[in-house]
Amino acid sequence: MDWMEWSGGQPPTAKDIAAYYRSRIAAGELEPPASLPAGRKLAKHLGVALATVQSAYDELKSEGLADSRPGSGTFVAAPADGTSAQERVRGIQELQSEVQSLTSRLADLSDRVAELESEREERA
């Protein structure tokens, strides 16, 4: 069982938990059909609400990296399209990086528009 260890000052968020297991899958340390820790046990281990762990697992499931089986638990998902889990994680990480870049550029553009509007108002 792959227990997440956390040394941050605050309890981990669902995003932190999902990122931890996503990185373990990307590194090939967790491969299908490895099981993830039971939600209740992981929540207790990390000192978070069960809903936090469930949200993290839902995020992994939405990315196609995990699959739940009622009464059996949550497992690293076998890819349906032939790509490896590592390839899927790399693709997700590339998309996240691109979104961060676009978000930064959008913020820069918003700042520039505000500056231009301010200059225009001063001239008027």
C-alpha atoms as a PDB file:
ATOM      1  CA  MET A   1       0.000   0.000   0.000  1.00  0.00           C
ATOM      2  CA  ASP A   2       1.337   3.403  -0.974  1.00  0.00           C
ATOM      3  CA  TRP A   3       0.663   5.718   1.977  1.00  0.00           C
ATOM      4  CA  MET A   4       1.098   9.383   1.275  1.00  0.00           C
ATOM      5  CA  GLU A   5       3.361  11.113   3.770  1.00  0.00           C
ATOM      6  CA  TRP A   6       2.737  14.808   4.373  1.00  0.00           C
ATOM      7  CA  SER A   7       5.051  17.243   6.104  1.00  0.00           C
ATOM      8  CA  GLY A   8       3.321  20.523   5.253  1.00  0.00           C
ATOM      9  CA  GLY A   9       2.143  22.804   8.036  1.00  0.00           C
ATOM     10  CA  GLN A  10      -1.498  22.515   6.999  1.00  0.00           C
ATOM     11  CA  PRO A  11      -3.282  19.250   6.166  1.00  0.00           C
ATOM     12  CA  PRO A  12      -3.081  18.402   2.463  1.00  0.00           C
ATOM     13  CA  THR A  13      -5.816  19.518   0.116  1.00  0.00           C
ATOM     14  CA  ALA A  14      -7.538  17.277  -2.398  1.00  0.00           C
ATOM     15  CA  LYS A  15      -5.272  18.784  -5.072  1.00  0.00           C
ATOM     16  CA  ASP A  16      -2.197  17.889  -2.982  1.00  0.00           C
ATOM     17  CA  ILE A  17      -3.370  14.307  -2.590  1.00  0.00           C
ATOM     18  CA  ALA A  18      -4.226  13.966  -6.281  1.00  0.00           C
ATOM     19  CA  ALA A  19      -0.848  15.469  -7.252  1.00  0.00           C
ATOM     20  CA  TYR A  20       0.975  13.001  -5.005  1.00  0.00           C
ATOM     21  CA  TYR A  21      -0.688   9.948  -6.553  1.00  0.00           C
ATOM     22  CA  ARG A  22      -0.481  11.437 -10.060  1.00  0.00           C
ATOM     23  CA  SER A  23       3.288  11.809  -9.642  1.00  0.00           C
ATOM     24  CA  ARG A  24       3.611   8.249  -8.336  1.00  0.00           C
ATOM     25  CA  ILE A  25       1.718   6.990 -11.395  1.00  0.00           C
ATOM     26  CA  ALA A  26       3.839   9.168 -13.711  1.00  0.00           C
ATOM     27  CA  ALA A  27       7.020   7.759 -12.200  1.00  0.00           C
ATOM     28  CA  GLY A  28       5.784   4.219 -12.829  1.00  0.00           C
ATOM     29  CA  GLU A  29       5.760   3.521  -9.096  1.00  0.00           C
ATOM     30  CA  LEU A  30       2.035   2.761  -9.205  1.00  0.00           C
ATOM     31  CA  GLU A  31       0.849   0.770 -12.190  1.00  0.00           C
ATOM     32  CA  PRO A  32      -2.475  -0.858 -13.024  1.00  0.00           C
ATOM     33  CA  PRO A  33      -4.071  -2.539 -11.146  1.00  0.00           C
ATOM     34  CA  ALA A  34      -2.353  -1.205  -7.999  1.00  0.00           C
ATOM     35  CA  SER A  35      -4.814  -0.192  -5.330  1.00  0.00           C
ATOM     36  CA  LEU A  36      -4.839   3.211  -3.695  1.00  0.00           C
ATOM     37  CA  PRO A  37      -5.327   3.372   0.070  1.00  0.00           C
ATOM     38  CA  ALA A  38      -8.881   3.063   1.326  1.00  0.00           C
ATOM     39  CA  GLY A  39     -10.392   6.532   1.523  1.00  0.00           C
ATOM     40  CA  ARG A  40     -11.299   6.394   5.219  1.00  0.00           C
ATOM     41  CA  LYS A  41      -7.901   5.045   6.232  1.00  0.00           C
ATOM     42  CA  LEU A  42      -6.006   7.612   4.140  1.00  0.00           C
ATOM     43  CA  ALA A  43      -8.178  10.427   5.511  1.00  0.00           C
ATOM     44  CA  LYS A  44      -7.411   9.327   9.064  1.00  0.00           C
ATOM     45  CA  HIS A  45      -3.702   8.887   8.257  1.00  0.00           C
ATOM     46  CA  LEU A  46      -3.485  12.421   6.814  1.00  0.00           C
ATOM     47  CA  GLY A  47      -5.847  14.065   9.292  1.00  0.00           C
ATOM     48  CA  VAL A  48      -8.287  15.242   6.637  1.00  0.00           C
ATOM     49  CA  ALA A  49     -11.977  14.728   5.960  1.00  0.00           C
ATOM     50  CA  LEU A  50     -13.029  11.706   3.952  1.00  0.00           C
ATOM     51  CA  ALA A  51     -14.549  14.117   1.405  1.00  0.00           C
ATOM     52  CA  THR A  52     -11.050  15.516   0.749  1.00  0.00           C
ATOM     53  CA  VAL A  53      -9.703  12.095  -0.183  1.00  0.00           C
ATOM     54  CA  GLN A  54     -12.815  11.315  -2.229  1.00  0.00           C
ATOM     55  CA  SER A  55     -12.392  14.600  -4.110  1.00  0.00           C
ATOM     56  CA  ALA A  56      -8.743  13.732  -4.842  1.00  0.00           C
ATOM     57  CA  TYR A  57      -9.704  10.286  -6.084  1.00  0.00           C
ATOM     58  CA  ASP A  58     -12.506  11.820  -8.193  1.00  0.00           C
ATOM     59  CA  GLU A  59      -9.931  14.106  -9.801  1.00  0.00           C
ATOM     60  CA  LEU A  60      -7.741  11.100 -10.667  1.00  0.00           C
ATOM     61  CA  LYS A  61     -10.782   9.249 -12.021  1.00  0.00           C
ATOM     62  CA  SER A  62     -11.782  12.220 -14.196  1.00  0.00           C
ATOM     63  CA  GLU A  63      -8.255  12.174 -15.655  1.00  0.00           C
ATOM     64  CA  GLY A  64      -8.574   8.459 -16.427  1.00  0.00           C
ATOM     65  CA  LEU A  65      -5.824   7.557 -13.961  1.00  0.00           C
ATOM     66  CA  ALA A  66      -7.961   5.760 -11.377  1.00  0.00           C
ATOM     67  CA  ASP A  67     -11.044   3.603 -11.274  1.00  0.00           C
ATOM     68  CA  SER A  68     -13.326   2.748  -8.364  1.00  0.00           C
ATOM     69  CA  ARG A  69     -15.012  -0.557  -7.829  1.00  0.00           C
ATOM     70  CA  PRO A  70     -17.791  -0.480  -5.240  1.00  0.00           C
ATOM     71  CA  GLY A  71     -16.848  -2.609  -2.280  1.00  0.00           C
ATOM     72  CA  SER A  72     -13.330  -3.161  -3.618  1.00  0.00           C
ATOM     73  CA  GLY A  73     -11.687   0.275  -3.537  1.00  0.00           C
ATOM     74  CA  THR A  74      -9.902   2.617  -5.900  1.00  0.00           C
ATOM     75  CA  PHE A  75      -7.263   1.354  -8.295  1.00  0.00           C
ATOM     76  CA  VAL A  76      -4.817   2.725 -10.838  1.00  0.00           C
ATOM     77  CA  ALA A  77      -6.776   2.471 -14.080  1.00  0.00           C
ATOM     78  CA  ALA A  78      -5.640   0.446 -17.022  1.00  0.00           C
ATOM     79  CA  PRO A  79      -5.610   2.698 -20.096  1.00  0.00           C
ATOM     80  CA  ALA A  80      -8.417   2.002 -22.513  1.00  0.00           C
ATOM     81  CA  ASP A  81      -6.672   3.638 -25.475  1.00  0.00           C
ATOM     82  CA  GLY A  82      -3.336   1.849 -25.268  1.00  0.00           C
ATOM     83  CA  THR A  83      -1.385   4.735 -23.776  1.00  0.00           C
ATOM     84  CA  SER A  84       0.526   4.122 -20.592  1.00  0.00           C
ATOM     85  CA  ALA A  85      -0.394   5.801 -17.348  1.00  0.00           C
ATOM     86  CA  GLN A  86       2.915   7.650 -17.540  1.00  0.00           C
ATOM     87  CA  GLU A  87       2.035   9.043 -20.977  1.00  0.00           C
ATOM     88  CA  ARG A  88      -1.386  10.158 -19.732  1.00  0.00           C
ATOM     89  CA  VAL A  89       0.135  11.905 -16.713  1.00  0.00           C
ATOM     90  CA  ARG A  90       2.738  13.626 -18.870  1.00  0.00           C
ATOM     91  CA  GLY A  91      -0.058  14.848 -21.127  1.00  0.00           C
ATOM     92  CA  ILE A  92      -2.009  16.141 -18.138  1.00  0.00           C
ATOM     93  CA  GLN A  93       1.092  17.858 -16.776  1.00  0.00           C
ATOM     94  CA  GLU A  94       1.766  19.484 -20.155  1.00  0.00           C
ATOM     95  CA  LEU A  95      -1.822  20.750 -20.262  1.00  0.00           C
ATOM     96  CA  GLN A  96      -1.534  22.102 -16.720  1.00  0.00           C
ATOM     97  CA  SER A  97       1.676  23.885 -17.645  1.00  0.00           C
ATOM     98  CA  GLU A  98       0.078  25.380 -20.739  1.00  0.00           C
ATOM     99  CA  VAL A  99      -2.945  26.541 -18.728  1.00  0.00           C
ATOM    100  CA  GLN A 100      -0.619  28.200 -16.189  1.00  0.00           C
ATOM    101  CA  SER A 101       1.243  29.930 -18.994  1.00  0.00           C
ATOM    102  CA  LEU A 102      -1.968  31.140 -20.615  1.00  0.00           C
ATOM    103  CA  THR A 103      -3.306  32.315 -17.260  1.00  0.00           C
ATOM    104  CA  SER A 104      -0.155  34.333 -16.676  1.00  0.00           C
ATOM    105  CA  ARG A 105      -0.310  35.843 -20.152  1.00  0.00           C
ATOM    106  CA  LEU A 106      -3.978  36.706 -19.675  1.00  0.00           C
ATOM    107  CA  ALA A 107      -3.177  38.446 -16.381  1.00  0.00           C
ATOM    108  CA  ASP A 108      -0.440  40.438 -18.145  1.00  0.00           C
ATOM    109  CA  LEU A 109      -2.870  41.430 -20.897  1.00  0.00           C
ATOM    110  CA  SER A 110      -5.509  42.452 -18.346  1.00  0.00           C
ATOM    111  CA  ASP A 111      -2.947  44.635 -16.581  1.00  0.00           C
ATOM    112  CA  ARG A 112      -1.934  46.223 -19.880  1.00  0.00           C
ATOM    113  CA  VAL A 113      -5.574  46.909 -20.835  1.00  0.00           C
ATOM    114  CA  ALA A 114      -6.133  48.540 -17.438  1.00  0.00           C
ATOM    115  CA  GLU A 115      -3.057  50.734 -17.989  1.00  0.00           C
ATOM    116  CA  LEU A 116      -4.244  51.770 -21.448  1.00  0.00           C
ATOM    117  CA  GLU A 117      -7.732  52.562 -20.169  1.00  0.00           C
ATOM    118  CA  SER A 118      -6.240  54.641 -17.377  1.00  0.00           C
ATOM    119  CA  GLU A 119      -4.070  56.564 -19.845  1.00  0.00           C
ATOM    120  CA  ARG A 120      -7.049  57.138 -22.108  1.00  0.00           C
ATOM    121  CA  GLU A 121      -9.117  58.492 -19.198  1.00  0.00           C
ATOM    122  CA  GLU A 122      -6.310  60.849 -18.194  1.00  0.00           C
ATOM    123  CA  ARG A 123      -6.184  62.288 -21.695  1.00  0.00           C
ATOM    124  CA  ALA A 124      -9.934  62.757 -21.875  1.00  0.00           C
END
